């Protein structure tokens, strides 16, 4: 039967604990405790209490005297420590995964906002281009309408003058009719004011 080094160490600590247990008791002084056990692994003070810890036991000292003793099984403590480490590692892994997920969600949200802003900017630029084109088209349209209206007015005046002189006005009337038709077609196809679509 093979015995591991770890088991030997735990057994030695346990034997030491059993040997020391006979010496350590409630009511002994703090100095006696330290003389019997030696320097502790750790010491914590909470108000009037001092807690001393060794691998095999924990002692609470109040008013310079031992008030409580708790024996520790080193093997059980090792198992508990390992379980605690596993739990801490699992919690850290879970926390890291949550942080990574949160980071991914923040990045996705930032990208969506950037894409929306980019699309809105593109629409705004398209709207500005459409406005400029509308201004050009409207200027051309207004000039054509003004020219046709002026020609119709001038021809109408000529027709009135010729009628007064009993002259033939059929040719002029045909021209006026054609100009009016052209103007009506222009009006129906007038440039549309662009709208900024969301």
C-alpha atoms as a PDB file:
ATOM      1  CA  UNK A   1       0.000   0.000   0.000  1.00  0.00           C
ATOM      2  CA  UNK A   2       1.450   3.341  -1.108  1.00  0.00           C
ATOM      3  CA  UNK A   3       1.054   6.413   1.108  1.00  0.00           C
ATOM      4  CA  UNK A   4       1.385   9.803  -0.544  1.00  0.00           C
ATOM      5  CA  UNK A   5       3.565  12.571   0.872  1.00  0.00           C
ATOM      6  CA  UNK A   6       0.438  14.733   1.224  1.00  0.00           C
ATOM      7  CA  UNK A   7      -1.246  12.063   3.397  1.00  0.00           C
ATOM      8  CA  UNK A   8       1.884  11.768   5.555  1.00  0.00           C
ATOM      9  CA  UNK A   9       1.971  15.529   6.137  1.00  0.00           C
ATOM     10  CA  UNK A  10      -1.722  15.609   7.041  1.00  0.00           C
ATOM     11  CA  UNK A  11      -1.231  12.673   9.431  1.00  0.00           C
ATOM     12  CA  UNK A  12       1.745  14.413  11.078  1.00  0.00           C
ATOM     13  CA  UNK A  13      -0.253  17.612  11.531  1.00  0.00           C
ATOM     14  CA  UNK A  14      -3.177  15.618  12.936  1.00  0.00           C
ATOM     15  CA  UNK A  15      -0.910  13.770  15.395  1.00  0.00           C
ATOM     16  CA  UNK A  16       0.609  17.084  16.468  1.00  0.00           C
ATOM     17  CA  UNK A  17      -2.895  18.471  16.925  1.00  0.00           C
ATOM     18  CA  UNK A  18      -3.896  15.521  19.094  1.00  0.00           C
ATOM     19  CA  UNK A  19      -0.712  15.849  21.171  1.00  0.00           C
ATOM     20  CA  UNK A  20      -1.223  19.588  21.592  1.00  0.00           C
ATOM     21  CA  UNK A  21      -4.926  19.217  22.279  1.00  0.00           C
ATOM     22  CA  UNK A  22      -4.156  17.797  25.695  1.00  0.00           C
ATOM     23  CA  UNK A  23      -2.147  20.901  26.523  1.00  0.00           C
ATOM     24  CA  UNK A  24      -4.535  23.543  25.121  1.00  0.00           C
ATOM     25  CA  UNK A  25      -7.695  24.261  27.118  1.00  0.00           C
ATOM     26  CA  UNK A  26     -10.214  27.037  27.739  1.00  0.00           C
ATOM     27  CA  UNK A  27      -9.151  29.353  30.522  1.00  0.00           C
ATOM     28  CA  UNK A  28      -5.388  29.163  29.937  1.00  0.00           C
ATOM     29  CA  UNK A  29      -3.627  32.474  29.452  1.00  0.00           C
ATOM     30  CA  UNK A  30      -2.658  33.944  26.093  1.00  0.00           C
ATOM     31  CA  UNK A  31       1.029  33.511  27.014  1.00  0.00           C
ATOM     32  CA  UNK A  32       0.477  29.823  27.874  1.00  0.00           C
ATOM     33  CA  UNK A  33      -1.343  29.294  24.590  1.00  0.00           C
ATOM     34  CA  UNK A  34       1.497  30.798  22.563  1.00  0.00           C
ATOM     35  CA  UNK A  35       4.092  28.868  24.574  1.00  0.00           C
ATOM     36  CA  UNK A  36       2.275  25.578  23.934  1.00  0.00           C
ATOM     37  CA  UNK A  37       1.421  26.123  20.265  1.00  0.00           C
ATOM     38  CA  UNK A  38       4.181  28.449  19.056  1.00  0.00           C
ATOM     39  CA  UNK A  39       3.627  31.320  16.662  1.00  0.00           C
ATOM     40  CA  UNK A  40       0.282  31.093  14.830  1.00  0.00           C
ATOM     41  CA  UNK A  41      -0.139  31.182  11.053  1.00  0.00           C
ATOM     42  CA  UNK A  42      -2.348  34.217  11.462  1.00  0.00           C
ATOM     43  CA  UNK A  43      -3.838  36.464  14.089  1.00  0.00           C
ATOM     44  CA  UNK A  44      -6.893  38.713  13.804  1.00  0.00           C
ATOM     45  CA  UNK A  45      -8.254  41.165  16.348  1.00  0.00           C
ATOM     46  CA  UNK A  46     -11.948  42.023  16.555  1.00  0.00           C
ATOM     47  CA  UNK A  47     -12.555  44.477  19.381  1.00  0.00           C
ATOM     48  CA  UNK A  48     -11.476  42.830  22.662  1.00  0.00           C
ATOM     49  CA  UNK A  49     -11.117  39.411  20.963  1.00  0.00           C
ATOM     50  CA  UNK A  50      -8.015  37.972  19.316  1.00  0.00           C
ATOM     51  CA  UNK A  51      -8.306  34.965  17.009  1.00  0.00           C
ATOM     52  CA  UNK A  52      -5.212  32.791  16.578  1.00  0.00           C
ATOM     53  CA  UNK A  53      -5.056  30.251  13.749  1.00  0.00           C
ATOM     54  CA  UNK A  54      -2.791  27.215  13.336  1.00  0.00           C
ATOM     55  CA  UNK A  55      -3.139  24.474  10.694  1.00  0.00           C
ATOM     56  CA  UNK A  56      -4.841  22.178  13.217  1.00  0.00           C
ATOM     57  CA  UNK A  57      -6.801  24.569  15.431  1.00  0.00           C
ATOM     58  CA  UNK A  58      -8.234  28.027  16.076  1.00  0.00           C
ATOM     59  CA  UNK A  59      -8.278  29.700  19.480  1.00  0.00           C
ATOM     60  CA  UNK A  60     -10.233  32.776  20.574  1.00  0.00           C
ATOM     61  CA  UNK A  61      -8.644  34.860  23.338  1.00  0.00           C
ATOM     62  CA  UNK A  62     -10.643  37.380  25.386  1.00  0.00           C
ATOM     63  CA  UNK A  63      -9.236  39.374  28.311  1.00  0.00           C
ATOM     64  CA  UNK A  64      -5.849  37.584  27.965  1.00  0.00           C
ATOM     65  CA  UNK A  65      -7.460  34.138  28.421  1.00  0.00           C
ATOM     66  CA  UNK A  66      -8.566  31.419  25.937  1.00  0.00           C
ATOM     67  CA  UNK A  67     -12.365  31.513  25.637  1.00  0.00           C
ATOM     68  CA  UNK A  68     -12.929  29.061  22.800  1.00  0.00           C
ATOM     69  CA  UNK A  69     -10.988  26.340  20.980  1.00  0.00           C
ATOM     70  CA  UNK A  70     -11.885  24.854  17.617  1.00  0.00           C
ATOM     71  CA  UNK A  71      -9.924  21.886  16.267  1.00  0.00           C
ATOM     72  CA  UNK A  72      -9.422  21.697  12.494  1.00  0.00           C
ATOM     73  CA  UNK A  73      -8.955  18.554  10.422  1.00  0.00           C
ATOM     74  CA  UNK A  74      -6.107  19.510   8.020  1.00  0.00           C
ATOM     75  CA  UNK A  75      -7.298  17.084   5.350  1.00  0.00           C
ATOM     76  CA  UNK A  76     -10.856  18.419   5.543  1.00  0.00           C
ATOM     77  CA  UNK A  77      -9.510  21.977   5.512  1.00  0.00           C
ATOM     78  CA  UNK A  78      -7.490  21.174   2.394  1.00  0.00           C
ATOM     79  CA  UNK A  79     -10.608  19.774   0.705  1.00  0.00           C
ATOM     80  CA  UNK A  80     -12.603  22.865   1.705  1.00  0.00           C
ATOM     81  CA  UNK A  81      -9.822  25.147   0.445  1.00  0.00           C
ATOM     82  CA  UNK A  82      -9.746  23.297  -2.880  1.00  0.00           C
ATOM     83  CA  UNK A  83     -13.539  23.479  -3.151  1.00  0.00           C
ATOM     84  CA  UNK A  84     -13.369  27.189  -2.343  1.00  0.00           C
ATOM     85  CA  UNK A  85     -10.730  27.706  -5.055  1.00  0.00           C
ATOM     86  CA  UNK A  86     -12.888  25.828  -7.583  1.00  0.00           C
ATOM     87  CA  UNK A  87     -15.907  27.939  -6.600  1.00  0.00           C
ATOM     88  CA  UNK A  88     -13.931  31.182  -6.857  1.00  0.00           C
ATOM     89  CA  UNK A  89     -12.561  30.123 -10.261  1.00  0.00           C
ATOM     90  CA  UNK A  90     -16.091  29.262 -11.472  1.00  0.00           C
ATOM     91  CA  UNK A  91     -17.446  32.600 -10.209  1.00  0.00           C
ATOM     92  CA  UNK A  92     -14.571  34.434 -11.918  1.00  0.00           C
ATOM     93  CA  UNK A  93     -15.228  32.544 -15.158  1.00  0.00           C
ATOM     94  CA  UNK A  94     -18.942  33.417 -14.940  1.00  0.00           C
ATOM     95  CA  UNK A  95     -18.116  37.049 -14.157  1.00  0.00           C
ATOM     96  CA  UNK A  96     -15.641  37.226 -17.067  1.00  0.00           C
ATOM     97  CA  UNK A  97     -18.230  35.687 -19.418  1.00  0.00           C
ATOM     98  CA  UNK A  98     -20.838  38.249 -18.291  1.00  0.00           C
ATOM     99  CA  UNK A  99     -18.353  41.101 -18.775  1.00  0.00           C
ATOM    100  CA  UNK A 100     -17.491  39.795 -22.258  1.00  0.00           C
ATOM    101  CA  UNK A 101     -21.204  39.531 -23.139  1.00  0.00           C
ATOM    102  CA  UNK A 102     -21.888  43.042 -21.804  1.00  0.00           C
ATOM    103  CA  UNK A 103     -18.934  44.350 -23.823  1.00  0.00           C
ATOM    104  CA  UNK A 104     -20.238  42.633 -26.978  1.00  0.00           C
ATOM    105  CA  UNK A 105     -23.695  44.149 -26.402  1.00  0.00           C
ATOM    106  CA  UNK A 106     -22.167  47.618 -25.919  1.00  0.00           C
ATOM    107  CA  UNK A 107     -20.143  47.229 -29.126  1.00  0.00           C
ATOM    108  CA  UNK A 108     -23.229  46.006 -31.038  1.00  0.00           C
ATOM    109  CA  UNK A 109     -25.264  48.962 -29.727  1.00  0.00           C
ATOM    110  CA  UNK A 110     -22.494  51.413 -30.653  1.00  0.00           C
ATOM    111  CA  UNK A 111     -22.299  49.901 -34.150  1.00  0.00           C
ATOM    112  CA  UNK A 112     -26.075  50.110 -34.575  1.00  0.00           C
ATOM    113  CA  UNK A 113     -26.047  53.762 -33.491  1.00  0.00           C
ATOM    114  CA  UNK A 114     -23.123  54.496 -35.824  1.00  0.00           C
ATOM    115  CA  UNK A 115     -24.933  52.761 -38.705  1.00  0.00           C
ATOM    116  CA  UNK A 116     -28.131  54.719 -37.985  1.00  0.00           C
ATOM    117  CA  UNK A 117     -26.170  57.979 -37.809  1.00  0.00           C
ATOM    118  CA  UNK A 118     -24.384  57.093 -41.046  1.00  0.00           C
ATOM    119  CA  UNK A 119     -27.690  56.328 -42.788  1.00  0.00           C
ATOM    120  CA  UNK A 120     -29.204  59.589 -41.471  1.00  0.00           C
ATOM    121  CA  UNK A 121     -26.140  61.532 -42.652  1.00  0.00           C
ATOM    122  CA  UNK A 122     -26.370  59.879 -46.081  1.00  0.00           C
ATOM    123  CA  UNK A 123     -30.060  60.843 -46.339  1.00  0.00           C
ATOM    124  CA  UNK A 124     -29.252  64.407 -45.271  1.00  0.00           C
ATOM    125  CA  UNK A 125     -26.560  64.682 -47.945  1.00  0.00           C
ATOM    126  CA  UNK A 126     -28.923  63.235 -50.562  1.00  0.00           C
ATOM    127  CA  UNK A 127     -31.540  65.781 -49.472  1.00  0.00           C
ATOM    128  CA  UNK A 128     -29.059  68.652 -49.869  1.00  0.00           C
ATOM    129  CA  UNK A 129     -28.143  67.436 -53.366  1.00  0.00           C
ATOM    130  CA  UNK A 130     -31.868  67.144 -54.240  1.00  0.00           C
ATOM    131  CA  UNK A 131     -32.492  70.686 -52.934  1.00  0.00           C
ATOM    132  CA  UNK A 132     -29.685  72.088 -55.093  1.00  0.00           C
ATOM    133  CA  UNK A 133     -30.980  70.197 -58.136  1.00  0.00           C
ATOM    134  CA  UNK A 134     -34.504  71.455 -57.418  1.00  0.00           C
ATOM    135  CA  UNK A 135     -33.241  75.051 -57.246  1.00  0.00           C
ATOM    136  CA  UNK A 136     -31.587  74.641 -60.683  1.00  0.00           C
ATOM    137  CA  UNK A 137     -34.609  72.913 -62.213  1.00  0.00           C
ATOM    138  CA  UNK A 138     -36.977  75.509 -60.771  1.00  0.00           C
ATOM    139  CA  UNK A 139     -34.916  78.366 -62.184  1.00  0.00           C
ATOM    140  CA  UNK A 140     -35.049  76.775 -65.662  1.00  0.00           C
ATOM    141  CA  UNK A 141     -38.777  76.109 -65.272  1.00  0.00           C
ATOM    142  CA  UNK A 142     -39.541  79.659 -64.120  1.00  0.00           C
ATOM    143  CA  UNK A 143     -37.545  81.093 -67.050  1.00  0.00           C
ATOM    144  CA  UNK A 144     -39.416  78.913 -69.576  1.00  0.00           C
ATOM    145  CA  UNK A 145     -42.825  79.784 -68.075  1.00  0.00           C
ATOM    146  CA  UNK A 146     -41.950  83.492 -68.106  1.00  0.00           C
ATOM    147  CA  UNK A 147     -40.782  83.311 -71.737  1.00  0.00           C
ATOM    148  CA  UNK A 148     -43.895  81.418 -72.869  1.00  0.00           C
ATOM    149  CA  UNK A 149     -46.209  83.756 -70.926  1.00  0.00           C
ATOM    150  CA  UNK A 150     -44.508  86.793 -72.480  1.00  0.00           C
ATOM    151  CA  UNK A 151     -44.781  85.287 -75.992  1.00  0.00           C
ATOM    152  CA  UNK A 152     -48.464  84.387 -75.490  1.00  0.00           C
ATOM    153  CA  UNK A 153     -49.170  87.898 -74.228  1.00  0.00           C
ATOM    154  CA  UNK A 154     -47.312  89.488 -77.168  1.00  0.00           C
ATOM    155  CA  UNK A 155     -49.082  87.255 -79.723  1.00  0.00           C
ATOM    156  CA  UNK A 156     -52.446  87.903 -78.100  1.00  0.00           C
ATOM    157  CA  UNK A 157     -51.808  91.642 -78.459  1.00  0.00           C
ATOM    158  CA  UNK A 158     -50.927  91.162 -82.148  1.00  0.00           C
ATOM    159  CA  UNK A 159     -54.109  89.127 -82.709  1.00  0.00           C
ATOM    160  CA  UNK A 160     -56.199  91.889 -81.112  1.00  0.00           C
ATOM    161  CA  UNK A 161     -54.494  94.519 -83.272  1.00  0.00           C
ATOM    162  CA  UNK A 162     -55.003  92.508 -86.506  1.00  0.00           C
ATOM    163  CA  UNK A 163     -58.627  91.838 -85.681  1.00  0.00           C
ATOM    164  CA  UNK A 164     -59.114  95.548 -85.291  1.00  0.00           C
ATOM    165  CA  UNK A 165     -57.779  95.908 -88.835  1.00  0.00           C
ATOM    166  CA  UNK A 166     -59.855  92.955 -90.088  1.00  0.00           C
ATOM    167  CA  UNK A 167     -56.692  90.973 -90.914  1.00  0.00           C
ATOM    168  CA  UNK A 168     -56.357  87.142 -90.866  1.00  0.00           C
ATOM    169  CA  UNK A 169     -55.240  85.949 -87.411  1.00  0.00           C
ATOM    170  CA  UNK A 170     -55.501  82.157 -87.875  1.00  0.00           C
ATOM    171  CA  UNK A 171     -51.711  81.627 -88.005  1.00  0.00           C
ATOM    172  CA  UNK A 172     -51.146  83.642 -84.866  1.00  0.00           C
ATOM    173  CA  UNK A 173     -53.961  81.884 -83.040  1.00  0.00           C
ATOM    174  CA  UNK A 174     -52.397  78.487 -83.887  1.00  0.00           C
ATOM    175  CA  UNK A 175     -49.061  79.657 -82.488  1.00  0.00           C
ATOM    176  CA  UNK A 176     -50.719  80.974 -79.297  1.00  0.00           C
ATOM    177  CA  UNK A 177     -52.589  77.674 -78.875  1.00  0.00           C
ATOM    178  CA  UNK A 178     -49.327  75.705 -79.258  1.00  0.00           C
ATOM    179  CA  UNK A 179     -47.581  77.967 -76.725  1.00  0.00           C
ATOM    180  CA  UNK A 180     -50.434  77.567 -74.243  1.00  0.00           C
ATOM    181  CA  UNK A 181     -50.304  73.769 -74.629  1.00  0.00           C
ATOM    182  CA  UNK A 182     -46.528  73.850 -74.056  1.00  0.00           C
ATOM    183  CA  UNK A 183     -46.984  75.985 -70.949  1.00  0.00           C
ATOM    184  CA  UNK A 184     -49.692  73.639 -69.571  1.00  0.00           C
ATOM    185  CA  UNK A 185     -47.381  70.662 -70.060  1.00  0.00           C
ATOM    186  CA  UNK A 186     -44.596  72.498 -68.231  1.00  0.00           C
ATOM    187  CA  UNK A 187     -46.926  73.347 -65.325  1.00  0.00           C
ATOM    188  CA  UNK A 188     -48.005  69.698 -65.014  1.00  0.00           C
ATOM    189  CA  UNK A 189     -44.365  68.597 -64.883  1.00  0.00           C
ATOM    190  CA  UNK A 190     -43.155  71.372 -62.591  1.00  0.00           C
ATOM    191  CA  UNK A 191     -40.137  70.405 -60.411  1.00  0.00           C
ATOM    192  CA  UNK A 192     -41.202  68.836 -57.109  1.00  0.00           C
ATOM    193  CA  UNK A 193     -39.887  70.221 -53.816  1.00  0.00           C
ATOM    194  CA  UNK A 194     -37.676  67.520 -52.259  1.00  0.00           C
ATOM    195  CA  UNK A 195     -38.583  66.133 -48.835  1.00  0.00           C
ATOM    196  CA  UNK A 196     -36.191  64.806 -46.170  1.00  0.00           C
ATOM    197  CA  UNK A 197     -37.349  61.227 -45.661  1.00  0.00           C
ATOM    198  CA  UNK A 198     -36.618  59.641 -42.283  1.00  0.00           C
END
